Amino acid sequence: MDWYLISVLIFVAVLAVLVYKDRRNYKRESILLLRRTKRGREMIIKIGTRFPRGWRLLGYVSVGTGLIVSVLGLKLLVDNLITAISTKAGAPSLALLLPSPTAQPIFGYGFLAVPFWYWIICIGMLVLVHEGMHGIYAAREKVKIKSMGVGLLAVIPLAFVEPDEKRLAKKGMWPQLRVFAAGSFGNFLLAGVTMIIIILLSITIFTAGGVAFGMMGQLPYPAAQIELSGIERLGNYSILDTASIPATLNQFSENDTVEIFTRNGTFYLKQSLFAEQLNTSQSIIVFGDYPAARAGIEGAIVKIDGYEIKDSLDLSLALERAGPNRTIEVTTADGAGGEKTYVLTTMDKPDPPAYVPDAWIYVTAPVEHLIPGTIDFSQQIGESWSAFVGQRVGVTWDYANQKIQMWQWVSENYPLMSSRAESEVAYWQGQLADHPRPGFIGITGVITNFELRPDLEPVRGGIDFIQGLLFFLFLINLGVGIINLLPLKPLDGGRMWDAILQEYVPKQAGVIIRAVGALTLLLLLANFIPFGAFM
């Protein structure tokens, strides 16, 4: 019996009964059921008027954040579209978040079905925070709150605050911007608090238990995209044309790693992953000719040649000990108590990628000349935080090379710092003598794998639910906050840019905001197109 589905049906039934009993206070507006009330209005007004200077300062931060996110969100849509077209992606870049009456998420083309209880709680909190912040800032700007209340779109919970729009329009640009930006900023704050809770939970109820890979949105091994027409052989089977690929693929079992020979090299891919891509595009994502991909390593790495691997630092040091062109044994755990050992031969570690300075180095490098040690101190703060959340940092071949590249960049871009930078380069080059070039097995997206403390196993179900809830609370608030700030009316981002344009170019404001809005809408819709299905 599907108790999860039963719980959803019970919720819907109870909700329907409550709405029916209170039907006289609900009003249908289009497809919405709204229940207006004065409850809570005095509290919002009290909060908004109690700390006017504090809210004003936070309002400026929210406006700056909103405008930056609006521009970056638009850029993200463009970048996603270019990537989708150039790679002939088989899946859309964006996905609608929908509720699902199942306990597990369901991924589909253009949608992500979130388990119902996660979804209903997250949407309820999102709307409450979003509209609450709008109400607080309306009160702070002395704009009358005409009404507020709750409502339903089918079973989707709603909350709303209706400020006096005419009075708000007369308040000028900055008051309008603060009110419009407040909703998404509140969602970002909620997402930030959620992430902090996730981190604190992780370091208190989990312990480091090996190294996971293929995380943080990355594939498990270095990947490439190949055309199906370029495949010459699958394992020992020759491929005459693309039509013969499906039948040939059936010669392998789902868990087999298929060796793919093409005109441009040899690649690897699990049979099940290969089969999934066949019907979506004329090209497929495959893994390069690296030891881990050849062996088909899966699970969290817990040992290398008998040495225990607890975190990423242990992995780096173990591969340094092994070195290139050495046969090693890699043991992985499947998370259910089982282990599997793979035998593979390491490769030469590729040279580090070119150094890309982050925003923080542009801040600390000029200060370093006046206050020596600024760069090291700022990096130590970051490393201390990493250690605090269970990601140890230590001197390795990679770490030393990163330091060399950073100080070389400082020397080239800040001539007054050249002497100091050159001494740092010399120091870290000396460190490489103790940290030789490591072996390379070809895994990406590497992070420390955390496991639940053994004494908490009896309550694993509850912890798993809380983890899932926090993850979707973060994801939904961040995603909706960004989308809401796109320059498209009637979204808050569109209203913000309209207020700015009305202030500086009132005659052209309407034309500009309509043109930008139309472009944004087209980009949004285009990001839902699976271009691989048509190219």
Protein backbone atom coordinates (compact mmCIF):
# COMPACT_ATOMS: atom_id res chain seq x y z
CA MET A 1 0.00 0.00 0.00
CA ASP A 2 1.32 3.42 -1.00
CA TRP A 3 1.11 5.33 2.29
CA TYR A 4 2.75 8.39 0.77
CA LEU A 5 0.01 8.74 -1.83
CA ILE A 6 -2.62 8.11 0.86
CA SER A 7 -1.17 10.93 3.00
CA VAL A 8 -1.39 13.29 0.01
CA LEU A 9 -5.01 12.36 -0.64
CA ILE A 10 -5.86 12.86 3.03
CA PHE A 11 -4.25 16.32 2.94
CA VAL A 12 -6.24 17.29 -0.16
CA ALA A 13 -9.46 16.00 1.38
CA VAL A 14 -8.91 17.86 4.67
CA LEU A 15 -8.02 21.03 2.77
CA ALA A 16 -11.18 20.75 0.68
CA VAL A 17 -13.33 20.33 3.81
CA LEU A 18 -11.74 23.35 5.53
CA VAL A 19 -12.21 25.56 2.48
CA TYR A 20 -15.80 24.39 2.05
CA LYS A 21 -16.65 25.12 5.69
CA ASP A 22 -15.14 28.61 5.32
CA ARG A 23 -16.45 29.15 1.78
CA ARG A 24 -18.26 32.39 2.60
CA ASN A 25 -14.93 34.08 3.30
CA TYR A 26 -13.30 32.88 0.06
CA LYS A 27 -13.67 34.75 -3.19
CA ARG A 28 -12.90 33.30 -6.59
CA GLU A 29 -10.76 35.52 -8.79
CA SER A 30 -10.04 33.88 -12.13
CA ILE A 31 -8.48 30.49 -11.22
CA LEU A 32 -7.61 31.56 -7.67
CA LEU A 33 -9.49 31.19 -4.39
CA LEU A 34 -8.56 34.10 -2.13
CA ARG A 35 -9.40 34.74 1.50
CA ARG A 36 -8.72 38.30 2.53
CA THR A 37 -8.16 39.13 6.16
CA LYS A 38 -6.84 41.90 8.39
CA ARG A 39 -5.05 39.44 10.64
CA GLY A 40 -1.33 39.99 10.64
CA ARG A 41 -1.51 43.42 8.99
CA GLU A 42 -0.82 45.30 12.20
CA MET A 43 2.13 43.04 12.95
CA ILE A 44 3.66 43.64 9.50
CA ILE A 45 3.17 47.39 9.85
CA LYS A 46 4.75 47.29 13.31
CA ILE A 47 7.78 45.39 12.05
CA GLY A 48 8.19 47.63 8.99
CA THR A 49 8.02 50.88 10.95
CA ARG A 50 10.00 49.84 14.03
CA PHE A 51 13.51 49.92 12.53
CA PRO A 52 13.25 52.41 9.64
CA ARG A 53 17.00 53.05 9.29
CA GLY A 54 17.88 49.38 9.44
CA TRP A 55 15.26 48.46 6.87
CA ARG A 56 16.39 51.36 4.68
CA LEU A 57 20.01 50.15 4.70
CA LEU A 58 18.96 46.56 4.05
CA GLY A 59 16.72 47.88 1.27
CA TYR A 60 19.70 49.37 -0.56
CA VAL A 61 21.47 46.02 -0.28
CA SER A 62 18.42 44.21 -1.62
CA VAL A 63 18.12 46.62 -4.56
CA GLY A 64 21.80 46.23 -5.47
CA THR A 65 21.51 42.47 -5.15
CA GLY A 66 18.32 42.43 -7.21
CA LEU A 67 19.76 44.42 -10.10
CA ILE A 68 22.94 42.32 -10.22
CA VAL A 69 20.97 39.07 -10.12
CA SER A 70 18.62 40.42 -12.82
CA VAL A 71 21.53 41.00 -15.21
CA LEU A 72 23.28 37.74 -14.30
CA GLY A 73 20.00 35.83 -14.65
CA LEU A 74 19.54 37.18 -18.17
CA LYS A 75 23.16 36.29 -18.99
CA LEU A 76 22.57 32.79 -17.63
CA LEU A 77 19.62 32.31 -19.99
CA VAL A 78 21.76 33.40 -22.95
CA ASP A 79 24.69 31.18 -21.92
CA ASN A 80 22.40 28.18 -21.39
CA LEU A 81 20.80 28.70 -24.79
CA ILE A 82 24.17 28.97 -26.57
CA THR A 83 25.40 25.82 -24.81
CA ALA A 84 22.21 23.91 -25.59
CA ILE A 85 22.40 24.78 -29.31
CA SER A 86 26.15 24.22 -29.68
CA THR A 87 26.09 20.85 -27.89
CA LYS A 88 22.71 19.78 -29.32
CA ALA A 89 21.54 19.07 -25.80
CA GLY A 90 18.91 16.39 -25.54
CA ALA A 91 17.30 17.89 -22.43
CA PRO A 92 16.02 21.44 -21.78
CA SER A 93 18.19 23.86 -19.79
CA LEU A 94 15.33 24.80 -17.45
CA ALA A 95 12.69 22.74 -15.72
CA LEU A 96 9.32 23.49 -14.18
CA LEU A 97 8.98 22.48 -10.53
CA LEU A 98 5.80 20.43 -10.11
CA PRO A 99 4.37 18.47 -7.17
CA SER A 100 4.47 14.68 -7.31
CA PRO A 101 2.41 12.25 -5.21
CA THR A 102 5.52 10.07 -4.88
CA ALA A 103 8.21 9.96 -2.22
CA GLN A 104 11.02 10.29 -4.79
CA PRO A 105 11.75 13.12 -7.25
CA ILE A 106 10.90 12.46 -10.89
CA PHE A 107 13.03 14.02 -13.62
CA GLY A 108 11.51 14.58 -17.03
CA TYR A 109 11.97 16.74 -20.11
CA GLY A 110 11.35 20.27 -18.95
CA PHE A 111 10.11 19.41 -15.47
CA LEU A 112 11.21 18.23 -12.05
CA ALA A 113 8.45 16.61 -10.01
CA VAL A 114 9.20 17.24 -6.33
CA PRO A 115 7.77 14.92 -3.65
CA PHE A 116 4.49 16.48 -2.54
CA TRP A 117 5.32 17.14 1.12
CA TYR A 118 8.63 18.77 0.26
CA TRP A 119 6.93 20.84 -2.39
CA ILE A 120 3.95 21.99 -0.34
CA ILE A 121 6.10 23.01 2.67
CA CYS A 122 8.71 24.75 0.51
CA ILE A 123 6.15 26.68 -1.56
CA GLY A 124 4.30 27.70 1.59
CA MET A 125 7.49 29.07 3.20
CA LEU A 126 8.60 30.72 -0.05
CA VAL A 127 5.32 32.59 -0.48
CA LEU A 128 5.13 33.56 3.19
CA VAL A 129 8.64 35.05 3.19
CA HIS A 130 8.29 36.67 -0.24
CA GLU A 131 4.99 38.40 0.41
CA GLY A 132 5.90 39.16 4.02
CA MET A 133 8.99 41.10 2.90
CA HIS A 134 6.93 43.02 0.35
CA GLY A 135 4.50 43.94 3.15
CA ILE A 136 7.27 44.98 5.56
CA TYR A 137 8.82 47.30 2.98
CA ALA A 138 5.45 48.72 1.96
CA ALA A 139 4.93 49.60 5.63
CA ARG A 140 8.47 51.01 5.88
CA GLU A 141 7.79 53.30 2.89
CA LYS A 142 4.46 54.35 4.45
CA VAL A 143 2.43 52.78 1.66
CA LYS A 144 -1.01 51.63 2.73
CA ILE A 145 -1.55 47.87 2.74
CA LYS A 146 -5.01 47.55 1.20
CA SER A 147 -5.44 43.88 2.02
CA MET A 148 -3.62 40.66 2.69
CA GLY A 149 -4.56 37.05 3.09
CA VAL A 150 -4.18 33.50 1.89
CA GLY A 151 -5.45 31.57 -1.07
CA LEU A 152 -5.26 28.49 -3.22
CA LEU A 153 -4.39 27.62 -6.79
CA ALA A 154 -5.78 24.08 -6.80
CA VAL A 155 -3.87 22.69 -3.78
CA ILE A 156 -1.01 25.21 -4.09
CA PRO A 157 -0.91 27.47 -1.01
CA LEU A 158 -0.78 31.20 -1.64
CA ALA A 159 -0.25 34.27 0.48
CA PHE A 160 -0.57 37.82 -0.72
CA VAL A 161 -0.05 41.41 0.38
CA GLU A 162 -1.73 44.15 -1.64
CA PRO A 163 -0.15 47.57 -1.19
CA ASP A 164 -1.79 50.67 -2.58
CA GLU A 165 -0.14 50.67 -6.03
CA LYS A 166 -1.14 54.26 -6.84
CA ARG A 167 0.39 55.57 -3.63
CA LEU A 168 3.52 53.47 -4.21
CA ALA A 169 3.91 54.90 -7.73
CA LYS A 170 3.96 58.43 -6.26
CA LYS A 171 6.73 57.59 -3.81
CA GLY A 172 9.55 57.89 -6.32
CA MET A 173 12.14 55.49 -7.64
CA TRP A 174 13.99 54.33 -4.50
CA PRO A 175 10.93 53.46 -2.38
CA GLN A 176 9.53 51.48 -5.32
CA LEU A 177 12.83 49.66 -5.84
CA ARG A 178 13.04 48.70 -2.19
CA VAL A 179 9.51 47.31 -2.18
CA PHE A 180 9.94 45.42 -5.46
CA ALA A 181 13.34 43.94 -4.51
CA ALA A 182 12.26 42.85 -1.04
CA GLY A 183 10.44 39.66 -2.04
CA SER A 184 13.29 37.94 -3.86
CA PHE A 185 15.80 39.22 -1.33
CA GLY A 186 13.77 37.55 1.39
CA ASN A 187 13.91 34.30 -0.62
CA PHE A 188 17.69 34.63 -0.93
CA LEU A 189 17.98 35.16 2.83
CA LEU A 190 15.87 32.07 3.46
CA ALA A 191 18.04 30.09 1.00
CA GLY A 192 21.17 31.33 2.82
CA VAL A 193 19.84 30.39 6.25
CA THR A 194 18.85 27.00 4.87
CA MET A 195 22.36 26.42 3.53
CA ILE A 196 23.87 27.31 6.92
CA ILE A 197 21.53 24.81 8.60
CA ILE A 198 22.55 22.16 6.04
CA ILE A 199 26.23 22.79 6.78
CA LEU A 200 25.75 22.73 10.57
CA LEU A 201 23.73 19.50 10.33
CA SER A 202 26.40 17.97 8.11
CA ILE A 203 29.21 18.58 10.59
CA THR A 204 27.23 17.40 13.62
CA ILE A 205 25.41 14.27 12.43
CA PHE A 206 27.72 13.09 9.65
CA THR A 207 31.32 11.87 9.61
CA ALA A 208 33.79 11.83 6.73
CA GLY A 209 33.62 8.46 5.01
CA GLY A 210 35.65 8.42 1.83
CA VAL A 211 35.58 10.50 -1.33
CA ALA A 212 32.60 10.83 -3.66
CA PHE A 213 32.97 11.92 -7.27
CA GLY A 214 30.62 13.05 -10.00
CA MET A 215 29.20 15.60 -7.55
CA MET A 216 28.45 19.35 -7.65
CA GLY A 217 26.67 19.02 -10.98
CA GLN A 218 29.67 17.37 -12.68
CA LEU A 219 29.95 14.07 -14.46
CA PRO A 220 32.06 11.39 -12.71
CA TYR A 221 34.84 11.36 -15.33
CA PRO A 222 36.21 13.82 -17.92
CA ALA A 223 33.66 13.76 -20.71
CA ALA A 224 33.35 14.51 -24.41
CA GLN A 225 30.56 14.67 -26.94
CA ILE A 226 30.71 12.44 -29.99
CA GLU A 227 28.49 11.95 -33.02
CA LEU A 228 26.81 8.56 -33.36
CA SER A 229 27.87 8.56 -37.02
CA GLY A 230 31.51 8.61 -35.91
CA ILE A 231 31.35 5.33 -33.96
CA GLU A 232 33.31 2.53 -35.65
CA ARG A 233 33.17 -0.23 -33.05
CA LEU A 234 31.53 -1.08 -29.72
CA GLY A 235 33.78 -3.51 -27.89
CA ASN A 236 34.45 -6.30 -30.40
CA TYR A 237 31.41 -5.46 -32.55
CA SER A 238 31.88 -3.42 -35.72
CA ILE A 239 29.35 -0.67 -36.46
CA LEU A 240 28.37 -0.31 -40.11
CA ASP A 241 25.86 2.53 -39.60
CA THR A 242 24.00 4.28 -36.80
CA ALA A 243 20.93 2.08 -37.30
CA SER A 244 22.90 -0.93 -36.05
CA ILE A 245 23.94 0.71 -32.78
CA PRO A 246 20.81 -0.17 -30.69
CA ALA A 247 20.96 -3.86 -31.58
CA THR A 248 24.71 -3.98 -30.92
CA LEU A 249 24.24 -2.24 -27.59
CA ASN A 250 21.84 -4.99 -26.53
CA GLN A 251 24.76 -7.42 -26.64
CA PHE A 252 25.96 -5.82 -23.40
CA SER A 253 24.30 -5.97 -19.99
CA GLU A 254 23.08 -2.80 -18.28
CA ASN A 255 26.04 -2.62 -15.89
CA ASP A 256 28.73 -3.30 -18.53
CA THR A 257 31.17 -0.53 -19.39
CA VAL A 258 31.13 -0.31 -23.18
CA GLU A 259 34.40 0.51 -24.98
CA ILE A 260 33.57 2.92 -27.82
CA PHE A 261 36.00 3.23 -30.74
CA THR A 262 35.73 6.29 -32.98
CA ARG A 263 37.86 8.03 -35.59
CA ASN A 264 38.93 10.51 -32.89
CA GLY A 265 39.83 8.11 -30.10
CA THR A 266 38.52 5.61 -27.60
CA PHE A 267 35.81 6.38 -25.07
CA TYR A 268 33.85 4.55 -22.38
CA LEU A 269 30.26 4.57 -21.15
CA LYS A 270 28.03 2.29 -19.12
CA GLN A 271 25.52 0.47 -21.31
CA SER A 272 22.48 1.87 -19.47
CA LEU A 273 23.71 5.47 -19.87
CA PHE A 274 24.43 4.85 -23.54
CA ALA A 275 20.92 3.47 -24.10
CA GLU A 276 19.27 6.44 -22.36
CA GLN A 277 20.88 8.88 -24.80
CA LEU A 278 20.14 7.03 -28.02
CA ASN A 279 16.59 8.35 -28.42
CA THR A 280 17.32 11.97 -27.52
CA SER A 281 20.07 13.10 -29.88
CA GLN A 282 22.39 12.23 -32.78
CA SER A 283 25.30 12.81 -30.42
CA ILE A 284 26.04 11.38 -26.99
CA ILE A 285 28.11 12.31 -23.94
CA VAL A 286 30.85 9.77 -23.32
CA PHE A 287 33.79 9.46 -20.93
CA GLY A 288 37.41 9.83 -21.96
CA ASP A 289 40.07 7.13 -22.00
CA TYR A 290 41.02 7.37 -18.32
CA PRO A 291 41.67 4.62 -15.74
CA ALA A 292 38.53 5.21 -13.65
CA ALA A 293 36.24 5.30 -16.71
CA ARG A 294 37.84 2.15 -18.16
CA ALA A 295 37.33 0.31 -14.88
CA GLY A 296 33.81 1.73 -14.40
CA ILE A 297 34.50 2.75 -10.81
CA GLU A 298 31.34 3.53 -8.80
CA GLY A 299 30.68 4.45 -5.19
CA ALA A 300 32.77 6.40 -2.69
CA ILE A 301 36.51 5.75 -2.68
CA VAL A 302 37.47 4.49 0.81
CA LYS A 303 40.88 2.86 0.25
CA ILE A 304 43.81 3.00 -2.14
CA ASP A 305 46.35 0.19 -1.80
CA GLY A 306 45.04 -0.45 1.69
CA TYR A 307 45.43 3.18 2.85
CA GLU A 308 42.21 4.53 4.34
CA ILE A 309 40.73 7.46 2.42
CA LYS A 310 38.56 9.67 4.62
CA ASP A 311 38.52 12.87 2.59
CA SER A 312 39.84 14.65 -0.52
CA LEU A 313 43.19 15.41 1.13
CA ASP A 314 43.77 11.71 1.84
CA LEU A 315 42.98 10.94 -1.81
CA SER A 316 45.49 13.52 -3.10
CA LEU A 317 48.25 12.26 -0.80
CA ALA A 318 47.55 8.61 -1.68
CA LEU A 319 47.85 9.36 -5.40
CA GLU A 320 51.09 11.25 -4.72
CA ARG A 321 52.48 8.16 -2.98
CA ALA A 322 51.38 5.97 -5.88
CA GLY A 323 52.70 8.21 -8.65
CA PRO A 324 52.08 7.83 -12.39
CA ASN A 325 52.10 4.54 -14.31
CA ARG A 326 51.54 2.40 -11.24
CA THR A 327 49.05 -0.42 -10.76
CA ILE A 328 46.90 0.31 -7.72
CA GLU A 329 43.88 -1.16 -5.96
CA VAL A 330 40.98 1.22 -5.41
CA THR A 331 38.27 0.15 -2.96
CA THR A 332 34.86 1.80 -3.04
CA ALA A 333 31.81 1.61 -0.75
CA ASP A 334 28.27 1.49 -2.09
CA GLY A 335 26.60 3.14 0.91
CA ALA A 336 24.83 -0.07 1.92
CA GLY A 337 27.78 -1.66 3.68
CA GLY A 338 29.24 -3.35 0.61
CA GLU A 339 32.69 -2.75 -0.85
CA LYS A 340 34.25 -3.42 -4.25
CA THR A 341 37.90 -3.33 -5.29
CA TYR A 342 39.09 -2.23 -8.73
CA VAL A 343 42.57 -2.72 -10.16
CA LEU A 344 43.77 0.03 -12.47
CA THR A 345 46.95 1.72 -13.69
CA THR A 346 47.47 5.41 -12.97
CA MET A 347 48.35 7.99 -15.61
CA ASP A 348 50.48 11.13 -15.50
CA LYS A 349 48.64 13.93 -13.75
CA PRO A 350 47.89 16.64 -16.37
CA ASP A 351 49.43 20.05 -15.86
CA PRO A 352 47.24 22.39 -13.80
CA PRO A 353 44.78 24.51 -15.78
CA ALA A 354 45.61 28.16 -16.36
CA TYR A 355 45.11 30.34 -13.28
CA VAL A 356 41.83 32.27 -13.27
CA PRO A 357 41.87 35.06 -10.65
CA ASP A 358 38.76 35.34 -8.50
CA ALA A 359 37.22 38.59 -7.33
CA TRP A 360 38.83 38.29 -3.91
CA ILE A 361 42.43 38.36 -5.22
CA TYR A 362 41.69 41.70 -6.89
CA VAL A 363 40.80 43.02 -3.43
CA THR A 364 43.64 41.47 -1.41
CA ALA A 365 46.55 41.85 -3.86
CA PRO A 366 46.67 45.70 -3.75
CA VAL A 367 46.37 45.61 0.06
CA GLU A 368 49.22 43.07 0.27
CA HIS A 369 51.69 45.79 -0.70
CA LEU A 370 50.65 47.92 2.28
CA ILE A 371 49.91 45.09 4.73
CA PRO A 372 52.09 42.04 3.99
CA GLY A 373 50.32 38.78 4.69
CA THR A 374 46.87 39.97 3.59
CA ILE A 375 46.58 37.36 0.82
CA ASP A 376 47.72 34.49 3.04
CA PHE A 377 45.45 35.61 5.88
CA SER A 378 42.37 35.81 3.64
CA GLN A 379 43.08 32.36 2.22
CA GLN A 380 43.63 30.93 5.69
CA ILE A 381 40.15 32.12 6.64
CA GLY A 382 38.69 30.22 3.70
CA GLU A 383 40.74 27.12 4.50
CA SER A 384 39.67 27.28 8.15
CA TRP A 385 36.05 27.37 7.06
CA SER A 386 36.65 24.39 4.76
CA ALA A 387 38.20 22.48 7.65
CA PHE A 388 35.26 23.46 9.88
CA VAL A 389 32.79 21.87 7.45
CA GLY A 390 34.90 18.75 7.09
CA GLN A 391 36.92 19.58 3.96
CA ARG A 392 40.54 19.47 5.14
CA VAL A 393 43.11 21.49 3.20
CA GLY A 394 46.80 20.58 3.14
CA VAL A 395 49.91 20.96 1.01
CA THR A 396 49.75 18.74 -2.06
CA TRP A 397 51.12 18.90 -5.60
CA ASP A 398 47.91 20.60 -6.75
CA TYR A 399 47.89 23.04 -3.85
CA ALA A 400 51.54 24.05 -4.38
CA ASN A 401 50.96 24.60 -8.10
CA GLN A 402 47.92 26.76 -7.39
CA LYS A 403 50.04 28.91 -5.08
CA ILE A 404 52.79 29.22 -7.71
CA GLN A 405 50.33 30.28 -10.38
CA MET A 406 48.63 32.79 -8.07
CA TRP A 407 51.88 34.50 -7.04
CA GLN A 408 53.10 34.54 -10.65
CA TRP A 409 49.88 36.32 -11.56
CA VAL A 410 50.41 38.82 -8.72
CA SER A 411 53.97 39.47 -9.92
CA GLU A 412 52.81 40.10 -13.50
CA ASN A 413 49.89 42.36 -12.60
CA TYR A 414 51.32 44.24 -9.61
CA PRO A 415 54.96 45.15 -10.40
CA LEU A 416 55.49 46.70 -6.95
CA MET A 417 54.79 43.25 -5.52
CA SER A 418 57.24 41.40 -7.81
CA SER A 419 59.96 40.87 -5.20
CA ARG A 420 57.52 39.50 -2.62
CA ALA A 421 55.75 37.38 -5.23
CA GLU A 422 58.99 35.89 -6.56
CA SER A 423 60.02 34.80 -3.06
CA GLU A 424 56.65 33.10 -2.62
CA VAL A 425 57.02 31.37 -5.99
CA ALA A 426 60.45 30.09 -4.97
CA TYR A 427 59.09 28.83 -1.64
CA TRP A 428 56.24 26.87 -3.24
CA GLN A 429 58.51 25.48 -5.94
CA GLY A 430 60.60 24.11 -3.11
CA GLN A 431 57.49 22.45 -1.68
CA LEU A 432 57.08 20.50 -4.92
CA ALA A 433 60.22 18.55 -4.02
CA ASP A 434 58.24 16.91 -1.21
CA HIS A 435 55.11 16.53 -3.30
CA PRO A 436 55.93 14.85 -6.63
CA ARG A 437 53.53 14.72 -9.56
CA PRO A 438 50.75 12.33 -8.47
CA GLY A 439 49.13 9.52 -10.33
CA PHE A 440 45.90 10.34 -12.12
CA ILE A 441 42.83 8.13 -12.36
CA GLY A 442 40.47 10.57 -14.09
CA ILE A 443 37.62 11.45 -11.72
CA THR A 444 35.88 14.82 -11.51
CA GLY A 445 33.48 16.57 -9.13
CA VAL A 446 35.43 15.23 -6.15
CA ILE A 447 34.20 16.01 -2.62
CA THR A 448 34.43 14.39 0.78
CA ASN A 449 31.68 11.82 1.27
CA PHE A 450 29.81 12.15 4.55
CA GLU A 451 28.05 9.25 6.25
CA LEU A 452 25.48 9.28 9.02
CA ARG A 453 26.86 8.61 12.48
CA PRO A 454 26.18 4.97 13.49
CA ASP A 455 24.30 6.01 16.64
CA LEU A 456 21.78 7.93 14.50
CA GLU A 457 20.89 5.00 12.23
CA PRO A 458 17.56 4.36 14.07
CA VAL A 459 16.32 7.81 13.01
CA ARG A 460 17.77 7.77 9.48
CA GLY A 461 14.30 8.08 7.93
CA GLY A 462 13.58 11.34 9.73
CA ILE A 463 17.03 12.73 8.95
CA ASP A 464 16.65 11.82 5.27
CA PHE A 465 13.32 13.66 5.16
CA ILE A 466 14.80 16.78 6.80
CA GLN A 467 17.79 16.68 4.44
CA GLY A 468 15.51 16.45 1.41
CA LEU A 469 13.29 19.24 2.71
CA LEU A 470 16.25 21.56 3.33
CA PHE A 471 17.71 20.82 -0.10
CA PHE A 472 14.48 21.67 -1.93
CA LEU A 473 13.87 24.67 0.33
CA PHE A 474 17.25 26.03 -0.74
CA LEU A 475 16.82 25.13 -4.40
CA ILE A 476 13.28 26.47 -4.77
CA ASN A 477 13.91 29.76 -2.94
CA LEU A 478 17.10 30.42 -4.89
CA GLY A 479 15.57 29.48 -8.24
CA VAL A 480 12.30 31.38 -7.81
CA GLY A 481 14.18 34.39 -6.43
CA ILE A 482 16.34 34.55 -9.58
CA ILE A 483 13.47 34.02 -12.03
CA ASN A 484 11.38 36.68 -10.28
CA LEU A 485 14.16 39.25 -10.85
CA LEU A 486 14.38 38.79 -14.60
CA PRO A 487 13.60 42.01 -16.53
CA LEU A 488 10.09 40.95 -17.49
CA LYS A 489 6.90 42.57 -16.27
CA PRO A 490 4.91 41.79 -14.19
CA LEU A 491 7.81 40.07 -12.39
CA ASP A 492 9.49 42.19 -9.72
CA GLY A 493 12.65 42.44 -11.84
CA GLY A 494 10.67 43.97 -14.68
CA ARG A 495 9.00 46.42 -12.32
CA MET A 496 12.39 47.44 -10.89
CA TRP A 497 13.84 48.24 -14.31
CA ASP A 498 10.61 50.02 -15.28
CA ALA A 499 10.93 52.26 -12.21
CA ILE A 500 14.54 53.09 -13.14
CA LEU A 501 13.67 53.83 -16.77
CA GLN A 502 10.69 55.98 -15.75
CA GLU A 503 13.09 58.02 -13.61
CA TYR A 504 15.76 58.63 -16.26
CA VAL A 505 14.13 58.14 -19.70
CA PRO A 506 10.38 58.41 -19.08
CA LYS A 507 9.48 58.87 -22.75
CA GLN A 508 11.32 55.76 -23.91
CA ALA A 509 10.68 53.67 -20.78
CA GLY A 510 7.63 51.82 -22.09
CA VAL A 511 9.24 50.83 -25.40
CA ILE A 512 12.49 49.69 -23.76
CA ILE A 513 10.89 47.60 -21.02
CA ARG A 514 8.50 45.93 -23.51
CA ALA A 515 11.39 45.08 -25.86
CA VAL A 516 13.60 43.72 -23.08
CA GLY A 517 10.65 41.86 -21.62
CA ALA A 518 9.84 40.24 -24.95
CA LEU A 519 13.47 39.18 -25.37
CA THR A 520 13.53 37.74 -21.83
CA LEU A 521 10.31 35.82 -22.43
CA LEU A 522 11.69 34.35 -25.66
CA LEU A 523 14.90 33.31 -23.88
CA LEU A 524 12.90 31.70 -21.08
CA LEU A 525 10.79 29.71 -23.52
CA ALA A 526 13.84 28.75 -25.60
CA ASN A 527 15.52 27.32 -22.50
CA PHE A 528 12.72 24.75 -22.30
CA ILE A 529 13.46 23.42 -25.80
CA PRO A 530 15.43 20.12 -26.11
CA PHE A 531 17.44 21.18 -29.17
CA GLY A 532 19.00 17.74 -29.54
CA ALA A 533 15.61 16.36 -30.54
CA PHE A 534 15.45 18.64 -33.59
CA MET A 535 19.08 18.90 -34.72
